[in-house]
Amino acid sequence: MRAYSMDLRERIVAACASGETAAAVAQRFGVCSRTVQRYVERARRDALVPTPIPGRPSRLAREEEAAFVAMLEESPNRTLLLLQEEWQKEWQKRSGVFLPSSTLHDYVKRLGGRYEKRVASPASAVK
């Protein structure tokens, strides 16, 4: 989830400063009333700027991500298993960076790509 823009934050605080209730401001701007309260509190402390979102930095730089997208477009109809087997090796050859299977899956998902699901095996006749 992305942080709200500074423009929106400033408009929310200005609306509250003009005398509107937090609930009315929240409804007007389509945010939660707790968000309005939080922004007003932060504005009082001069800290309206969004705090950094915690988490690990991306494994790929923006340039590498563009190359990864190009590689996805070369062969879009792949299963996740083939992604793991072929693309990990191919990506490591191209960039020198090893991408674990979970990272591959996350990048494909985040970039809006899809992979084919494996066809189900028929049930065994012997039980």
N, C-alpha and C. Protein backbone atom coordinates (compact mmCIF):
# COMPACT_ATOMS: atom_id res chain seq x y z
N MET A 1 0.84 -1.17 0.00
CA MET A 1 0.00 0.00 0.00
C MET A 1 0.89 1.24 0.00
N ARG A 2 0.56 2.18 -0.81
CA ARG A 2 1.36 3.40 -0.92
C ARG A 2 0.85 4.47 0.03
N ALA A 3 1.76 5.37 0.40
CA ALA A 3 1.40 6.49 1.27
C ALA A 3 0.59 7.51 0.48
N TYR A 4 -0.28 8.23 1.17
CA TYR A 4 -1.03 9.30 0.53
C TYR A 4 -0.07 10.43 0.17
N SER A 5 -0.41 11.18 -0.86
CA SER A 5 0.46 12.27 -1.33
C SER A 5 0.51 13.40 -0.31
N MET A 6 1.59 14.18 -0.39
CA MET A 6 1.73 15.33 0.51
C MET A 6 0.60 16.33 0.28
N ASP A 7 0.20 16.47 -0.99
CA ASP A 7 -0.88 17.40 -1.31
C ASP A 7 -2.16 17.02 -0.56
N LEU A 8 -2.50 15.75 -0.59
CA LEU A 8 -3.70 15.29 0.11
C LEU A 8 -3.55 15.48 1.62
N ARG A 9 -2.39 15.16 2.15
CA ARG A 9 -2.15 15.33 3.59
C ARG A 9 -2.35 16.79 4.00
N GLU A 10 -1.79 17.69 3.19
CA GLU A 10 -1.90 19.12 3.50
C GLU A 10 -3.35 19.60 3.42
N ARG A 11 -4.10 19.10 2.43
CA ARG A 11 -5.51 19.49 2.31
C ARG A 11 -6.33 18.97 3.48
N ILE A 12 -6.01 17.77 3.95
CA ILE A 12 -6.71 17.19 5.10
C ILE A 12 -6.46 18.04 6.34
N VAL A 13 -5.20 18.39 6.58
CA VAL A 13 -4.85 19.21 7.75
C VAL A 13 -5.49 20.59 7.65
N ALA A 14 -5.48 21.18 6.45
CA ALA A 14 -6.09 22.51 6.27
C ALA A 14 -7.59 22.46 6.52
N ALA A 15 -8.25 21.39 6.09
CA ALA A 15 -9.69 21.26 6.31
C ALA A 15 -10.00 21.16 7.80
N CYS A 16 -9.17 20.42 8.53
CA CYS A 16 -9.37 20.31 9.99
C CYS A 16 -9.09 21.64 10.67
N ALA A 17 -8.10 22.37 10.18
CA ALA A 17 -7.75 23.67 10.77
C ALA A 17 -8.87 24.69 10.54
N SER A 18 -9.63 24.50 9.46
CA SER A 18 -10.73 25.43 9.18
C SER A 18 -11.97 25.15 10.02
N GLY A 19 -11.93 24.09 10.83
CA GLY A 19 -13.03 23.83 11.74
C GLY A 19 -13.87 22.61 11.44
N GLU A 20 -13.60 21.92 10.35
CA GLU A 20 -14.38 20.70 10.04
C GLU A 20 -14.01 19.59 11.02
N THR A 21 -14.95 18.72 11.27
CA THR A 21 -14.67 17.58 12.15
C THR A 21 -13.85 16.54 11.40
N ALA A 22 -13.16 15.70 12.16
CA ALA A 22 -12.33 14.66 11.56
C ALA A 22 -13.18 13.70 10.73
N ALA A 23 -14.37 13.39 11.22
CA ALA A 23 -15.25 12.47 10.49
C ALA A 23 -15.69 13.07 9.16
N ALA A 24 -16.02 14.37 9.16
CA ALA A 24 -16.45 15.02 7.92
C ALA A 24 -15.30 15.10 6.91
N VAL A 25 -14.11 15.41 7.41
CA VAL A 25 -12.93 15.49 6.54
C VAL A 25 -12.62 14.11 5.97
N ALA A 26 -12.71 13.09 6.81
CA ALA A 26 -12.44 11.72 6.36
C ALA A 26 -13.40 11.31 5.26
N GLN A 27 -14.66 11.63 5.43
CA GLN A 27 -15.66 11.27 4.42
C GLN A 27 -15.42 12.06 3.14
N ARG A 28 -15.10 13.32 3.27
CA ARG A 28 -14.87 14.19 2.11
C ARG A 28 -13.69 13.72 1.25
N PHE A 29 -12.62 13.28 1.91
CA PHE A 29 -11.42 12.88 1.17
C PHE A 29 -11.30 11.37 0.97
N GLY A 30 -12.24 10.62 1.51
CA GLY A 30 -12.24 9.17 1.30
C GLY A 30 -11.14 8.45 2.05
N VAL A 31 -10.85 8.91 3.26
CA VAL A 31 -9.85 8.25 4.10
C VAL A 31 -10.50 7.90 5.43
N CYS A 32 -9.80 7.15 6.23
CA CYS A 32 -10.29 6.76 7.56
C CYS A 32 -10.16 7.95 8.51
N SER A 33 -11.06 8.05 9.48
CA SER A 33 -11.00 9.17 10.43
C SER A 33 -9.73 9.11 11.27
N ARG A 34 -9.22 7.91 11.52
CA ARG A 34 -7.96 7.76 12.26
C ARG A 34 -6.80 8.35 11.44
N THR A 35 -6.86 8.22 10.14
CA THR A 35 -5.83 8.81 9.28
C THR A 35 -5.85 10.32 9.41
N VAL A 36 -7.03 10.91 9.44
CA VAL A 36 -7.16 12.36 9.61
C VAL A 36 -6.55 12.77 10.94
N GLN A 37 -6.88 12.07 12.01
CA GLN A 37 -6.34 12.39 13.33
C GLN A 37 -4.82 12.28 13.34
N ARG A 38 -4.31 11.24 12.71
CA ARG A 38 -2.86 11.03 12.67
C ARG A 38 -2.16 12.17 11.94
N TYR A 39 -2.74 12.62 10.81
CA TYR A 39 -2.12 13.71 10.05
C TYR A 39 -2.15 15.02 10.82
N VAL A 40 -3.23 15.27 11.54
CA VAL A 40 -3.32 16.50 12.35
C VAL A 40 -2.26 16.46 13.46
N GLU A 41 -2.12 15.31 14.11
CA GLU A 41 -1.09 15.16 15.16
C GLU A 41 0.31 15.36 14.58
N ARG A 42 0.57 14.76 13.44
CA ARG A 42 1.88 14.90 12.81
C ARG A 42 2.15 16.34 12.37
N ALA A 43 1.12 17.03 11.90
CA ALA A 43 1.29 18.42 11.48
C ALA A 43 1.66 19.30 12.67
N ARG A 44 1.12 18.99 13.83
CA ARG A 44 1.47 19.74 15.04
C ARG A 44 2.94 19.56 15.40
N ARG A 45 3.48 18.38 15.10
CA ARG A 45 4.89 18.09 15.40
C ARG A 45 5.81 18.42 14.22
N ASP A 46 5.27 19.00 13.15
CA ASP A 46 6.04 19.31 11.93
C ASP A 46 6.62 18.04 11.30
N ALA A 47 5.84 16.98 11.29
CA ALA A 47 6.31 15.72 10.72
C ALA A 47 5.26 15.13 9.79
N LEU A 48 4.76 15.92 8.89
CA LEU A 48 3.70 15.45 8.00
C LEU A 48 4.24 14.55 6.88
N VAL A 49 5.55 14.59 6.68
CA VAL A 49 6.18 13.77 5.63
C VAL A 49 5.99 12.29 5.97
N PRO A 50 5.66 11.45 4.99
CA PRO A 50 5.45 10.03 5.28
C PRO A 50 6.73 9.36 5.77
N THR A 51 6.56 8.45 6.71
CA THR A 51 7.70 7.70 7.22
C THR A 51 8.07 6.61 6.22
N PRO A 52 9.33 6.21 6.18
CA PRO A 52 9.71 5.16 5.25
C PRO A 52 9.01 3.84 5.58
N ILE A 53 8.63 3.12 4.55
CA ILE A 53 7.99 1.83 4.72
C ILE A 53 9.08 0.80 4.99
N PRO A 54 8.98 0.07 6.09
CA PRO A 54 10.04 -0.88 6.41
C PRO A 54 10.05 -2.05 5.44
N GLY A 55 11.17 -2.68 5.37
CA GLY A 55 11.30 -3.86 4.53
C GLY A 55 12.65 -3.92 3.86
N ARG A 56 12.92 -5.04 3.33
CA ARG A 56 14.19 -5.27 2.66
C ARG A 56 14.22 -4.51 1.34
N PRO A 57 15.37 -3.95 0.98
CA PRO A 57 15.47 -3.31 -0.33
C PRO A 57 15.31 -4.34 -1.45
N SER A 58 14.90 -3.88 -2.59
CA SER A 58 14.69 -4.76 -3.73
C SER A 58 16.00 -5.43 -4.13
N ARG A 59 15.91 -6.68 -4.57
CA ARG A 59 17.11 -7.39 -5.02
C ARG A 59 17.60 -6.85 -6.36
N LEU A 60 16.68 -6.28 -7.13
CA LEU A 60 17.04 -5.79 -8.46
C LEU A 60 16.98 -4.28 -8.52
N ALA A 61 17.96 -3.68 -9.17
CA ALA A 61 17.93 -2.24 -9.43
C ALA A 61 16.90 -2.00 -10.53
N ARG A 62 16.53 -0.75 -10.75
CA ARG A 62 15.53 -0.42 -11.78
C ARG A 62 15.96 -0.90 -13.17
N GLU A 63 17.24 -0.74 -13.49
CA GLU A 63 17.72 -1.18 -14.81
C GLU A 63 17.60 -2.70 -14.93
N GLU A 64 17.94 -3.41 -13.85
CA GLU A 64 17.83 -4.87 -13.86
C GLU A 64 16.37 -5.30 -13.95
N GLU A 65 15.50 -4.54 -13.32
CA GLU A 65 14.08 -4.87 -13.37
C GLU A 65 13.55 -4.74 -14.80
N ALA A 66 14.02 -3.72 -15.52
CA ALA A 66 13.62 -3.55 -16.92
C ALA A 66 14.11 -4.73 -17.75
N ALA A 67 15.32 -5.19 -17.49
CA ALA A 67 15.85 -6.36 -18.20
C ALA A 67 15.06 -7.61 -17.85
N PHE A 68 14.62 -7.71 -16.60
CA PHE A 68 13.82 -8.85 -16.17
C PHE A 68 12.47 -8.86 -16.89
N VAL A 69 11.86 -7.69 -17.03
CA VAL A 69 10.59 -7.58 -17.75
C VAL A 69 10.78 -8.02 -19.20
N ALA A 70 11.89 -7.59 -19.82
CA ALA A 70 12.17 -7.99 -21.20
C ALA A 70 12.30 -9.50 -21.30
N MET A 71 12.95 -10.11 -20.31
CA MET A 71 13.11 -11.57 -20.31
C MET A 71 11.75 -12.25 -20.15
N LEU A 72 10.87 -11.67 -19.34
CA LEU A 72 9.52 -12.23 -19.18
C LEU A 72 8.76 -12.19 -20.49
N GLU A 73 8.92 -11.09 -21.23
CA GLU A 73 8.18 -10.93 -22.48
C GLU A 73 8.69 -11.85 -23.58
N GLU A 74 9.94 -12.30 -23.48
CA GLU A 74 10.49 -13.22 -24.49
C GLU A 74 9.75 -14.55 -24.50
N SER A 75 9.39 -15.03 -23.32
CA SER A 75 8.70 -16.32 -23.23
C SER A 75 7.65 -16.26 -22.13
N PRO A 76 6.48 -15.69 -22.46
CA PRO A 76 5.47 -15.48 -21.43
C PRO A 76 4.77 -16.74 -20.93
N ASN A 77 4.69 -17.78 -21.73
CA ASN A 77 3.93 -18.97 -21.34
C ASN A 77 4.84 -19.99 -20.68
N ARG A 78 5.15 -19.76 -19.46
CA ARG A 78 6.02 -20.65 -18.70
C ARG A 78 5.33 -21.03 -17.39
N THR A 79 5.62 -22.22 -16.91
CA THR A 79 5.14 -22.62 -15.59
C THR A 79 6.12 -22.10 -14.56
N LEU A 80 5.70 -22.05 -13.31
CA LEU A 80 6.60 -21.59 -12.26
C LEU A 80 7.80 -22.53 -12.14
N LEU A 81 7.57 -23.82 -12.38
CA LEU A 81 8.66 -24.78 -12.32
C LEU A 81 9.72 -24.46 -13.37
N LEU A 82 9.27 -24.14 -14.60
CA LEU A 82 10.23 -23.76 -15.64
C LEU A 82 10.90 -22.44 -15.32
N LEU A 83 10.16 -21.53 -14.71
CA LEU A 83 10.78 -20.27 -14.27
C LEU A 83 11.93 -20.58 -13.33
N GLN A 84 11.67 -21.46 -12.39
CA GLN A 84 12.69 -21.78 -11.41
C GLN A 84 13.90 -22.44 -12.06
N GLU A 85 13.64 -23.38 -12.95
CA GLU A 85 14.74 -24.14 -13.55
C GLU A 85 15.51 -23.34 -14.59
N GLU A 86 14.78 -22.75 -15.53
CA GLU A 86 15.43 -22.09 -16.66
C GLU A 86 15.78 -20.64 -16.39
N TRP A 87 14.84 -19.89 -15.87
CA TRP A 87 15.06 -18.45 -15.74
C TRP A 87 16.08 -18.11 -14.67
N GLN A 88 16.14 -18.91 -13.61
CA GLN A 88 17.17 -18.65 -12.60
C GLN A 88 18.55 -18.73 -13.23
N LYS A 89 18.76 -19.78 -14.02
CA LYS A 89 20.06 -19.95 -14.69
C LYS A 89 20.29 -18.85 -15.71
N GLU A 90 19.26 -18.57 -16.51
CA GLU A 90 19.38 -17.54 -17.54
C GLU A 90 19.64 -16.17 -16.92
N TRP A 91 18.92 -15.85 -15.87
CA TRP A 91 19.10 -14.54 -15.24
C TRP A 91 20.49 -14.44 -14.62
N GLN A 92 20.96 -15.52 -14.03
CA GLN A 92 22.29 -15.49 -13.43
C GLN A 92 23.36 -15.30 -14.49
N LYS A 93 23.16 -15.91 -15.67
CA LYS A 93 24.11 -15.70 -16.78
C LYS A 93 24.11 -14.25 -17.23
N ARG A 94 22.91 -13.68 -17.36
CA ARG A 94 22.79 -12.31 -17.88
C ARG A 94 23.29 -11.26 -16.89
N SER A 95 22.93 -11.42 -15.62
CA SER A 95 23.19 -10.34 -14.67
C SER A 95 24.22 -10.66 -13.61
N GLY A 96 24.48 -11.95 -13.41
CA GLY A 96 25.39 -12.33 -12.34
C GLY A 96 24.73 -12.36 -10.97
N VAL A 97 23.41 -12.17 -10.93
CA VAL A 97 22.67 -12.16 -9.67
C VAL A 97 21.80 -13.40 -9.61
N PHE A 98 21.90 -14.16 -8.52
CA PHE A 98 21.03 -15.33 -8.35
C PHE A 98 19.73 -14.88 -7.71
N LEU A 99 18.62 -15.26 -8.32
CA LEU A 99 17.30 -14.93 -7.76
C LEU A 99 16.66 -16.21 -7.22
N PRO A 100 16.38 -16.26 -5.93
CA PRO A 100 15.69 -17.42 -5.38
C PRO A 100 14.29 -17.56 -5.99
N SER A 101 13.73 -18.75 -5.89
CA SER A 101 12.41 -19.03 -6.47
C SER A 101 11.35 -18.09 -5.93
N SER A 102 11.40 -17.81 -4.64
CA SER A 102 10.39 -16.93 -4.04
C SER A 102 10.49 -15.52 -4.62
N THR A 103 11.70 -15.06 -4.87
CA THR A 103 11.89 -13.73 -5.45
C THR A 103 11.39 -13.70 -6.89
N LEU A 104 11.68 -14.75 -7.64
CA LEU A 104 11.16 -14.85 -9.01
C LEU A 104 9.64 -14.73 -9.02
N HIS A 105 9.03 -15.52 -8.16
CA HIS A 105 7.56 -15.52 -8.08
C HIS A 105 7.05 -14.12 -7.71
N ASP A 106 7.68 -13.49 -6.72
CA ASP A 106 7.25 -12.16 -6.28
C ASP A 106 7.37 -11.13 -7.39
N TYR A 107 8.47 -11.17 -8.15
CA TYR A 107 8.66 -10.21 -9.24
C TYR A 107 7.64 -10.43 -10.35
N VAL A 108 7.40 -11.68 -10.70
CA VAL A 108 6.40 -11.96 -11.75
C VAL A 108 5.04 -11.44 -11.30
N LYS A 109 4.69 -11.69 -10.05
CA LYS A 109 3.40 -11.25 -9.52
C LYS A 109 3.32 -9.72 -9.47
N ARG A 110 4.37 -9.07 -8.95
CA ARG A 110 4.36 -7.61 -8.80
C ARG A 110 4.34 -6.90 -10.14
N LEU A 111 5.01 -7.46 -11.14
CA LEU A 111 5.08 -6.82 -12.45
C LEU A 111 3.85 -7.13 -13.31
N GLY A 112 2.90 -7.86 -12.74
CA GLY A 112 1.66 -8.13 -13.46
C GLY A 112 1.75 -9.30 -14.41
N GLY A 113 2.85 -10.02 -14.36
CA GLY A 113 3.01 -11.18 -15.23
C GLY A 113 2.28 -12.38 -14.66
N ARG A 114 2.14 -13.36 -15.50
CA ARG A 114 1.50 -14.60 -15.06
C ARG A 114 2.34 -15.76 -15.54
N TYR A 115 2.15 -16.87 -14.92
CA TYR A 115 2.79 -18.08 -15.38
C TYR A 115 1.72 -19.16 -15.46
N GLU A 116 1.95 -20.08 -16.37
CA GLU A 116 0.99 -21.16 -16.57
C GLU A 116 1.01 -22.11 -15.38
N LYS A 117 -0.15 -22.60 -15.03
CA LYS A 117 -0.22 -23.60 -13.97
C LYS A 117 0.00 -24.97 -14.59
N ARG A 118 0.58 -25.85 -13.81
CA ARG A 118 0.84 -27.20 -14.29
C ARG A 118 -0.48 -27.93 -14.49
N VAL A 119 -0.56 -28.72 -15.54
CA VAL A 119 -1.77 -29.49 -15.81
C VAL A 119 -1.87 -30.60 -14.76
N ALA A 120 -3.04 -30.78 -14.23
CA ALA A 120 -3.24 -31.79 -13.19
C ALA A 120 -3.04 -33.18 -13.76
N SER A 121 -2.45 -34.04 -12.95
CA SER A 121 -2.24 -35.43 -13.35
C SER A 121 -3.52 -36.22 -13.12
N PRO A 122 -3.80 -37.21 -13.99
CA PRO A 122 -4.99 -38.03 -13.74
C PRO A 122 -4.82 -38.85 -12.47
N ALA A 123 -5.92 -39.14 -11.81
CA ALA A 123 -5.87 -39.92 -10.58
C ALA A 123 -5.41 -41.33 -10.88
N SER A 124 -4.70 -41.90 -9.96
CA SER A 124 -4.20 -43.26 -10.12
C SER A 124 -5.36 -44.24 -10.06
N ALA A 125 -5.31 -45.29 -10.91
CA ALA A 125 -6.37 -46.29 -10.93
C ALA A 125 -6.28 -47.20 -9.72
N VAL A 126 -5.09 -47.36 -9.16
CA VAL A 126 -4.90 -48.23 -8.00
C VAL A 126 -5.00 -47.38 -6.74
N LYS A 127 -5.82 -47.83 -5.81
CA LYS A 127 -5.96 -47.07 -4.55
C LYS A 127 -5.60 -47.91 -3.39
